[in-house]
Amino acid sequence: MASAEDQAIAAINAAEALALSNIEVLRQMKAILPKEIRPLVEPAIRSNQLGIELVAGAERSAVRKVSAATRKGRKNLSKALKEANARLRKKNGQLKKGKTQTDVMRLAQRLKKKM
């Protein structure tokens, strides 16, 4: 299974490829334009292509990889939250008398620290 970062980069690459293929279609359609307009079209197409490549590069660099320590911490917090909810809630899902969601999170943080 690909990570969220890999999926984001794949989506950016796919969008870039689609935009560049549209530019190629425009280049092919240029032949049907009047001769007077044809010289004006190519510079516009080139600037558009450079803009697409620039934006895609910036988006790819903006995608951040999540460190292993962060992933481990998130996984441990998830486990701790399940445990804390099990301890502080009744079978019907309500919080036990005198307990709040704040208590659940505090307990979860304490349990995470012990993991």
Protein backbone atom coordinates (compact mmCIF):
# COMPACT_ATOMS: atom_id res chain seq x y z
CA MET A 1 0.00 0.00 0.00
CA ALA A 2 1.40 3.37 -1.01
CA SER A 3 1.75 6.08 1.60
CA ALA A 4 -0.27 9.28 1.44
CA GLU A 5 2.84 11.15 0.30
CA ASP A 6 3.41 8.71 -2.57
CA GLN A 7 -0.24 8.98 -3.59
CA ALA A 8 -0.05 12.79 -3.56
CA ILE A 9 3.06 12.79 -5.75
CA ALA A 10 1.43 10.30 -8.15
CA ALA A 11 -1.63 12.56 -8.42
CA ILE A 12 0.58 15.58 -9.13
CA ASN A 13 2.46 13.62 -11.81
CA ALA A 14 -0.80 12.50 -13.41
CA ALA A 15 -2.19 16.06 -13.46
CA GLU A 16 1.04 17.33 -15.00
CA ALA A 17 0.99 14.62 -17.68
CA LEU A 18 -2.63 15.46 -18.54
CA ALA A 19 -1.90 19.18 -18.83
CA LEU A 20 1.15 18.54 -21.01
CA SER A 21 -0.83 16.19 -23.26
CA ASN A 22 -3.41 18.97 -23.69
CA ILE A 23 -0.61 21.27 -24.81
CA GLU A 24 0.44 18.70 -27.41
CA VAL A 25 -3.12 18.66 -28.73
CA LEU A 26 -2.99 22.45 -29.02
CA ARG A 27 0.26 22.18 -30.99
CA GLN A 28 -1.37 19.75 -33.41
CA MET A 29 -4.44 21.96 -33.79
CA LYS A 30 -2.26 24.96 -34.59
CA ALA A 31 -2.23 23.84 -38.24
CA ILE A 32 -5.92 24.68 -38.66
CA LEU A 33 -5.44 28.29 -37.55
CA PRO A 34 -4.95 31.11 -40.06
CA LYS A 35 -1.32 31.66 -41.10
CA GLU A 36 -1.24 35.14 -39.51
CA ILE A 37 -2.02 33.78 -36.02
CA ARG A 38 0.25 30.69 -36.01
CA PRO A 39 3.46 32.55 -35.02
CA LEU A 40 1.70 34.01 -31.97
CA VAL A 41 0.46 30.66 -30.69
CA GLU A 42 3.78 28.88 -30.11
CA PRO A 43 5.20 31.38 -27.56
CA ALA A 44 1.93 31.20 -25.62
CA ILE A 45 2.06 27.40 -25.66
CA ARG A 46 5.68 27.38 -24.48
CA SER A 47 5.01 29.80 -21.61
CA ASN A 48 1.99 27.71 -20.60
CA GLN A 49 4.11 24.56 -20.63
CA LEU A 50 6.81 26.18 -18.48
CA GLY A 51 4.14 27.33 -16.04
CA ILE A 52 2.72 23.83 -15.74
CA GLU A 53 6.16 22.33 -15.10
CA LEU A 54 6.97 25.04 -12.55
CA VAL A 55 3.74 24.55 -10.59
CA ALA A 56 4.04 20.75 -10.63
CA GLY A 57 7.63 20.97 -9.36
CA ALA A 58 6.60 23.31 -6.55
CA GLU A 59 3.72 21.01 -5.56
CA ARG A 60 6.00 17.96 -5.53
CA SER A 61 8.50 19.74 -3.29
CA ALA A 62 5.68 20.80 -0.93
CA VAL A 63 4.73 17.18 -0.21
CA ARG A 64 6.51 16.25 3.00
CA LYS A 65 7.54 12.80 4.06
CA VAL A 66 6.38 11.79 7.53
CA SER A 67 9.23 10.54 9.71
CA ALA A 68 9.23 7.03 11.16
CA ALA A 69 9.11 8.44 14.69
CA THR A 70 5.99 10.44 13.88
CA ARG A 71 4.29 7.42 12.32
CA LYS A 72 5.16 5.33 15.39
CA GLY A 73 3.83 8.04 17.72
CA ARG A 74 0.56 8.28 15.80
CA LYS A 75 0.12 4.53 15.87
CA ASN A 76 0.80 4.40 19.61
CA LEU A 77 -1.64 7.27 20.27
CA SER A 78 -4.29 5.42 18.29
CA LYS A 79 -3.80 2.32 20.45
CA ALA A 80 -3.76 4.43 23.63
CA LEU A 81 -7.01 6.17 22.65
CA LYS A 82 -8.74 2.83 22.15
CA GLU A 83 -7.56 1.71 25.58
CA ALA A 84 -8.52 5.00 27.27
CA ASN A 85 -11.99 4.96 25.70
CA ALA A 86 -12.48 1.37 26.82
CA ARG A 87 -11.57 2.30 30.39
CA LEU A 88 -13.59 5.53 30.68
CA ARG A 89 -16.77 4.68 28.75
CA LYS A 90 -19.77 2.49 29.53
CA LYS A 91 -20.88 -0.33 27.26
CA ASN A 92 -23.44 1.96 25.59
CA GLY A 93 -20.69 4.44 24.63
CA GLN A 94 -21.43 7.16 27.15
CA LEU A 95 -18.65 8.49 29.34
CA LYS A 96 -18.68 7.23 32.91
CA LYS A 97 -20.04 9.60 35.56
CA GLY A 98 -17.69 12.51 36.24
CA LYS A 99 -15.47 11.82 33.22
CA THR A 100 -15.00 14.10 30.23
CA GLN A 101 -13.34 13.84 26.83
CA THR A 102 -10.44 15.76 28.40
CA ASP A 103 -9.95 12.87 30.82
CA VAL A 104 -9.92 10.43 27.92
CA MET A 105 -7.21 12.39 26.10
CA ARG A 106 -5.12 12.85 29.22
CA LEU A 107 -5.24 9.13 29.93
CA ALA A 108 -4.41 8.35 26.32
CA GLN A 109 -1.38 10.65 26.42
CA ARG A 110 -0.20 8.99 29.63
CA LEU A 111 -0.66 5.53 28.12
CA LYS A 112 1.18 6.59 24.97
CA LYS A 113 4.11 7.83 27.06
CA LYS A 114 4.39 4.37 28.67
CA MET A 115 4.48 2.58 25.32
